[in-house]
Protein backbone atom coordinates (compact mmCIF):
# COMPACT_ATOMS: atom_id res chain seq x y z
CA MET A 1 -22.48 4.44 11.48
CA SER A 2 -22.81 8.23 11.84
CA ALA A 3 -20.85 8.54 15.10
CA GLY A 4 -18.02 6.45 13.64
CA ASP A 5 -17.93 8.40 10.39
CA ALA A 6 -17.82 11.64 12.41
CA PHE A 7 -14.94 10.47 14.56
CA ALA A 8 -12.96 9.31 11.53
CA HIS A 9 -13.34 12.67 9.95
CA GLN A 10 -12.33 14.71 13.00
CA PHE A 11 -10.04 12.79 15.45
CA TYR A 12 -6.87 14.20 13.77
CA GLU A 13 -7.89 17.86 13.75
CA GLY A 14 -6.90 18.78 17.32
CA PRO A 15 -8.82 20.11 20.38
CA ALA A 16 -10.42 23.13 18.58
CA ALA A 17 -12.48 20.63 16.55
CA ALA A 18 -15.22 19.42 18.89
CA PRO A 19 -16.17 16.82 19.98
CA TYR A 20 -13.56 14.38 18.65
CA GLY A 21 -10.53 16.47 17.63
CA ARG A 22 -9.06 16.28 21.11
CA PHE A 23 -8.01 12.61 20.51
CA ARG A 24 -5.12 13.89 18.44
CA ASP A 25 -3.35 14.77 21.72
CA ILE A 26 -3.78 11.29 23.29
CA GLY A 27 -0.70 9.23 22.43
CA SER A 28 0.73 5.83 23.33
CA ASP A 29 2.07 7.01 26.70
CA HIS A 30 -1.42 7.32 27.97
CA PHE A 31 -2.05 3.67 27.47
CA GLY A 32 1.41 2.09 28.08
CA ASP A 33 1.50 0.52 24.62
CA PRO A 34 3.51 1.93 21.70
CA LEU A 35 0.84 0.83 19.17
CA LEU A 36 -2.16 2.57 20.81
CA GLY A 37 -3.43 6.10 20.76
CA PHE A 38 -2.73 8.72 18.05
CA HIS A 39 0.10 8.14 15.59
CA GLN A 40 1.23 9.61 12.29
CA ARG A 41 2.90 6.88 10.25
CA ILE A 42 5.52 7.10 7.52
CA ASN A 43 2.83 6.39 4.90
CA GLN A 44 -0.03 8.83 4.36
CA ILE A 45 -1.99 7.29 7.21
CA GLU A 46 -2.53 8.89 10.62
CA GLN A 47 -4.71 6.92 13.08
CA PHE A 48 -6.24 6.57 16.48
CA LEU A 49 -6.02 2.90 17.58
CA LEU A 50 -7.45 1.51 20.89
CA GLU A 51 -7.78 -1.93 22.44
CA ARG A 52 -11.14 -2.94 23.83
CA ARG A 53 -10.09 -2.85 27.48
CA PHE A 54 -9.71 0.95 27.05
CA TRP A 55 -12.89 1.68 25.13
CA ALA A 56 -15.33 2.34 27.92
CA ALA A 57 -12.94 4.76 29.79
CA SER A 58 -11.47 6.51 26.83
CA TYR A 59 -14.02 6.65 23.99
CA PRO A 60 -17.30 8.63 24.12
CA PRO A 61 -20.23 6.25 24.83
CA GLU A 62 -21.43 6.23 21.20
CA ILE A 63 -17.94 5.11 19.98
CA SER A 64 -17.55 2.52 22.67
CA ALA A 65 -21.00 1.13 21.69
CA LEU A 66 -19.99 1.06 18.06
CA GLY A 67 -17.05 -1.06 19.00
CA ASP A 68 -19.14 -3.44 20.98
CA SER A 69 -21.61 -3.86 18.09
CA LEU A 70 -18.78 -4.62 15.68
CA THR A 71 -17.44 -7.19 18.15
CA GLN A 72 -20.82 -8.94 18.09
CA LEU A 73 -20.84 -8.86 14.24
CA SER A 74 -17.33 -10.16 14.11
CA ARG A 75 -18.38 -13.11 16.28
CA GLN A 76 -21.24 -13.94 13.93
CA VAL A 77 -18.90 -13.97 10.89
CA LEU A 78 -16.20 -15.93 12.66
CA CYS A 79 -18.53 -18.67 13.86
CA SER A 80 -20.05 -18.97 10.35
CA VAL A 81 -16.59 -19.56 8.93
CA LEU A 82 -15.65 -22.06 11.54
CA SER A 83 -18.75 -24.03 10.89
CA ALA A 84 -18.21 -23.94 7.06
CA VAL A 85 -14.60 -25.12 7.30
CA GLY A 86 -15.50 -28.00 9.51
CA ILE A 87 -13.80 -27.22 12.85
CA PRO A 88 -15.75 -28.89 15.65
CA GLU A 89 -17.72 -26.43 17.78
CA ARG A 90 -16.17 -27.82 21.00
CA ASP A 91 -12.81 -26.51 19.75
CA TRP A 92 -13.88 -23.02 18.74
CA ARG A 93 -13.03 -21.16 21.90
CA ARG A 94 -9.51 -22.52 22.13
CA ALA A 95 -9.01 -22.25 18.36
CA THR A 96 -9.92 -18.54 18.28
CA GLY A 97 -8.46 -17.44 21.70
CA GLY A 98 -11.93 -16.57 22.89
CA CYS A 99 -13.21 -14.71 19.76
CA SER A 100 -15.95 -17.26 19.26
CA GLN A 101 -17.45 -15.98 22.50
CA CYS A 102 -16.56 -12.28 22.17
CA ALA A 103 -13.71 -12.89 24.66
CA GLY A 104 -10.68 -12.31 22.37
CA SER A 105 -8.57 -9.14 21.84
CA TYR A 106 -10.21 -6.44 19.81
CA HIS A 107 -8.94 -3.14 18.36
CA LEU A 108 -10.96 -0.23 16.95
CA THR A 109 -8.93 2.01 14.56
CA PHE A 110 -9.87 5.36 12.91
CA ASP A 111 -7.73 6.26 9.93
CA HIS A 112 -7.08 9.47 8.01
CA TYR A 113 -4.95 9.65 4.89
CA ARG A 114 -3.04 12.91 4.34
CA PRO A 115 -2.91 13.87 0.66
CA ALA A 116 -0.10 16.36 1.30
CA HIS A 117 2.16 13.52 2.49
CA VAL A 118 4.02 12.07 -0.59
CA ASP A 119 3.84 8.35 -0.05
CA ILE A 120 1.51 5.34 -0.63
CA GLY A 121 -1.63 5.43 1.54
CA LEU A 122 -0.66 2.30 3.47
CA SER A 123 1.98 -0.28 2.58
CA SER A 124 0.83 -3.75 1.46
CA HIS A 125 0.31 -6.21 4.30
CA LYS A 126 -1.85 -9.00 5.70
CA ASP A 127 -3.71 -8.39 8.99
CA ASP A 128 -2.57 -10.60 11.88
CA GLY A 129 -5.94 -11.50 13.43
CA PHE A 130 -8.92 -13.63 12.35
CA LEU A 131 -10.88 -10.99 10.58
CA THR A 132 -11.12 -7.24 10.08
CA ILE A 133 -14.38 -5.38 9.52
CA LEU A 134 -13.84 -2.16 7.52
CA ARG A 135 -16.12 0.84 7.05
CA THR A 136 -15.00 2.82 4.03
CA THR A 137 -16.93 5.27 1.84
CA ALA A 138 -14.22 6.31 -0.62
CA PRO A 139 -12.04 4.42 -3.02
CA GLY A 140 -8.47 3.51 -2.14
CA LEU A 141 -8.38 0.02 -0.78
CA GLU A 142 -6.72 -2.47 -3.08
CA VAL A 143 -6.17 -6.26 -2.85
CA SER A 144 -3.60 -8.48 -4.44
CA ARG A 145 -5.11 -11.03 -6.89
CA GLU A 146 -2.96 -13.14 -9.19
CA ASP A 147 0.02 -10.82 -9.11
CA HIS A 148 -1.90 -7.58 -9.74
CA TRP A 149 -3.64 -4.99 -7.54
CA GLU A 150 -7.38 -4.90 -7.80
CA THR A 151 -9.39 -1.91 -6.50
CA VAL A 152 -12.12 -2.73 -3.96
CA PRO A 153 -15.34 -0.83 -4.70
CA ALA A 154 -16.41 1.51 -1.86
CA ASP A 155 -20.08 0.94 -1.02
CA PRO A 156 -21.46 2.94 1.93
CA ASP A 157 -24.10 0.30 2.48
CA CYS A 158 -21.68 -2.55 2.99
CA PHE A 159 -18.80 -3.51 5.25
CA ILE A 160 -15.59 -5.01 3.81
CA VAL A 161 -14.33 -8.07 5.65
CA ASN A 162 -10.66 -9.09 5.33
CA PHE A 163 -9.46 -12.39 6.75
CA GLY A 164 -6.09 -12.33 8.55
CA LEU A 165 -3.12 -14.57 9.26
CA SER A 166 -4.64 -16.17 12.30
CA MET A 167 -7.51 -17.42 10.22
CA GLU A 168 -5.19 -18.61 7.55
CA ILE A 169 -3.09 -20.57 9.97
CA LEU A 170 -6.09 -22.06 11.81
CA THR A 171 -7.87 -23.25 8.68
CA ALA A 172 -4.89 -24.43 6.50
CA GLY A 173 -5.57 -28.08 7.23
CA SER A 174 -9.35 -27.85 7.14
CA ARG A 175 -11.71 -28.95 4.29
CA MET A 176 -11.98 -25.26 3.19
CA PRO A 177 -8.74 -23.27 3.79
CA VAL A 178 -9.23 -19.51 4.22
CA ALA A 179 -6.43 -17.28 2.86
CA ALA A 180 -5.39 -14.04 4.39
CA ILE A 181 -5.72 -11.26 1.86
CA MET A 182 -2.70 -9.04 0.95
CA HIS A 183 -4.02 -5.46 0.72
CA ARG A 184 -2.85 -1.84 0.70
CA VAL A 185 -4.26 1.63 0.34
CA ALA A 186 -3.20 3.47 -2.81
CA ARG A 187 -1.77 6.95 -2.70
CA GLN A 188 -4.58 9.38 -1.92
CA GLN A 189 -4.92 12.72 -3.75
CA ASP A 190 -7.77 13.88 -1.43
CA ASP A 191 -8.64 13.56 2.27
CA ARG A 192 -9.80 10.02 2.97
CA SER A 193 -11.17 8.65 6.28
CA SER A 194 -12.24 5.19 7.35
CA PHE A 195 -12.50 2.99 10.44
CA GLY A 196 -12.13 -0.67 11.18
CA HIS A 197 -12.46 -3.39 13.84
CA PHE A 198 -9.83 -6.11 14.36
CA SER A 199 -10.56 -9.46 16.04
CA SER A 200 -7.48 -11.40 17.46
CA SER A 201 -6.77 -14.23 19.77
CA GLY A 202 -6.82 -13.16 23.47
CA CYS A 203 -3.53 -11.55 24.48
CA LEU A 204 -4.10 -9.23 27.44
CA PRO A 205 -1.07 -8.34 29.59
CA GLY A 206 0.18 -11.56 31.27
CA GLN A 207 -2.11 -13.68 29.13
CA ASP A 208 -1.55 -15.15 25.69
CA GLU A 209 -3.93 -17.73 24.35
CA GLY A 210 -1.83 -18.39 21.29
CA ILE A 211 -2.39 -19.13 17.57
CA HIS A 212 -3.49 -22.58 16.62
CA ARG A 213 -3.73 -24.69 13.52
CA TYR A 214 -6.49 -27.29 13.11
CA VAL A 215 -5.28 -30.66 11.81
CA HIS A 216 -7.98 -33.07 10.72
CA GLY A 217 -7.86 -36.22 12.74
CA SER A 218 -5.71 -34.85 15.51
CA GLY A 219 -7.26 -31.47 16.42
CA LEU A 220 -5.58 -28.26 17.40
CA GLU A 221 -1.84 -27.56 17.38
CA ARG A 222 -0.33 -24.42 18.87
CA VAL A 223 1.79 -22.55 16.29
CA CYS A 224 3.03 -19.39 18.10
CA GLY A 225 2.04 -16.78 20.64
CA SER A 226 -0.63 -14.24 19.86
CA ARG A 227 1.47 -11.35 20.86
CA GLU A 228 4.42 -12.65 18.84
CA LEU A 229 2.38 -12.62 15.66
CA ILE A 230 0.83 -9.24 16.27
CA ASP A 231 4.04 -7.46 17.24
CA GLU A 232 5.93 -8.70 14.22
CA ASN A 233 3.18 -7.95 11.74
CA ASP A 234 2.48 -4.48 13.06
CA TYR A 235 6.29 -3.73 12.93
CA GLU A 236 6.32 -4.77 9.30
CA ILE A 237 3.27 -2.59 8.42
CA TYR A 238 4.56 0.57 10.03
CA ALA A 239 8.28 0.32 9.58
CA GLY A 240 8.05 1.17 5.95
CA THR A 241 9.55 -2.02 4.54
CA ASP A 242 7.18 -2.17 1.67
CA THR A 243 6.81 -0.23 -1.59
CA PRO A 244 3.83 0.06 -3.89
CA ASP A 245 5.20 -2.41 -6.44
CA THR A 246 6.36 -5.05 -4.06
CA THR A 247 6.23 -8.58 -5.43
CA ILE A 248 4.07 -10.93 -3.41
CA ALA A 249 6.00 -14.19 -2.76
CA PRO A 250 3.97 -17.40 -2.31
CA ARG A 251 4.30 -18.87 1.16
CA ARG A 252 3.05 -21.69 3.32
CA PRO A 253 0.24 -20.77 5.86
CA TYR A 254 2.64 -20.62 8.86
CA GLU A 255 5.30 -18.46 7.21
CA ARG A 256 5.67 -14.79 7.74
CA PRO A 257 5.72 -12.39 4.68
CA THR A 258 8.35 -9.70 4.37
CA ALA A 259 9.06 -7.15 1.63
CA LYS A 260 12.04 -9.23 0.41
CA GLY A 261 10.46 -12.71 0.59
CA VAL A 262 9.45 -15.07 3.35
CA ARG A 263 10.39 -15.55 6.99
CA ARG A 264 9.43 -18.67 8.84
């Protein structure tokens, strides 16, 4: 984890900070995608986010290798969940848009929280993919449980795994539904850095494997496009529509959360 920790603590410092500070100057124009590269958000977070197809060419070898290792770990967790909830193995590839075979869409993000910026660390949201693997060594992450926010302990010896909306939709009709977790990062008084790996259904340019729901007795049903779910969710996270005391409205597995309620 040392290379990832070092990147997370340095990517935002600028070219004078070697070897990773130079990534501050690599923005979305370099990748042709408004979500990728370096960004300062309206919350305390600033980040460097990159999709897997750019890792080998853009990240140093040790960071690209870290992303590949997390992709393999994500596959192991995902396949264990699919087995536990009773989805037939023959359906795994289609159900996960390739993630059961390490052929989905993956993002590696490095995050820094700016204590001088007066705002919440990161607004409350649910991730759009199947699962997120987080590496964090400092407190700040909170999850919503029974209408209150609960602090997640920071253990340097453990990853944190969050399940996302794609997993919730897929497993809603299974024998063991998996809920996407609403989470946020509380306002930070000190510098805080972390990194994470996102696993989503395949959605390379010109290709969209879609989001599916498993229905016992009839198999898989397509719910929406992968990019449709990702774009809408990322907009809600970074557009500042949430506040620290937002009420979490109950919803059905295929409905979209907003700060004011529920969108189908």
